[in-house]
C-alpha cells in the first residue's frame, strides 16, 4: 500500500475517510492504541496540537490527530469544539430542537489535522460550509452527517458515498492538504 502513519483515534469513520484521500499520495493511516488526550479549549487547533504532541511523546513515531466540530451560525458557533459531547448528550434531535424554526440554518464543519513527527508538528485546517437540514436524512457517515448539507449539494453527508463526501467535507479537504505536504516532505 505504501507508507503508514499512525492515527490516534478509535473512530473507524475518520480512519476510512482519511485513508480514502491518503491512498492517492501513497500513504495510509493506521489506528494505534495511544490515547487521544483532549484539553478543554474553544480552539480546535489547540486541542489537536496538544493531542498530537502527547501521542508522539508516547509512540515516538509519526502520528496524526484529527479534531473537528460543527459550527452553527445562528447558535453563535455552537456546538463547535464540543460537538462530540453535544452529539453524545442531546444528539441530532437536540440540535434540531435548538434551531427550531429558524430560517438562518447556515453552518460549517471545521477539521484540524495535526501531524507530529521528528521535526515538530504541522497543522492542516479546512472547512465545509453548508446548512442544517430540517430533519435527518441518510444512513452513511457518522455524527451530525444526517443533518448537514454542504454548499453545492442537495444531499446531506449521510446520503453520500465516502468518495462523494470527501469532495465536499472538511476532513477530506484537510486530508488533501496533508497529502500534498507529505509528497514534499520526508517524515520518517
Foldseek 3Di string as FASTA:
>chain_A
DAAEAEEADPDVLLQVLLQVQLVVLRYHYDYDPDHQDADDDLDQVVRQQVSQVRRCVVVVAKYKYKAKDKAWVVVVGPPRSCQVVCCVPQNQVNVLVVCDPDPRFKMKMKMWMWIQFPVGIDIFIFMFIFGFANDFDAQDDDRSQRGTDTPPGPHGNRNDDSVVSLVRHGSNRSSNVVSVVCNVDDRD
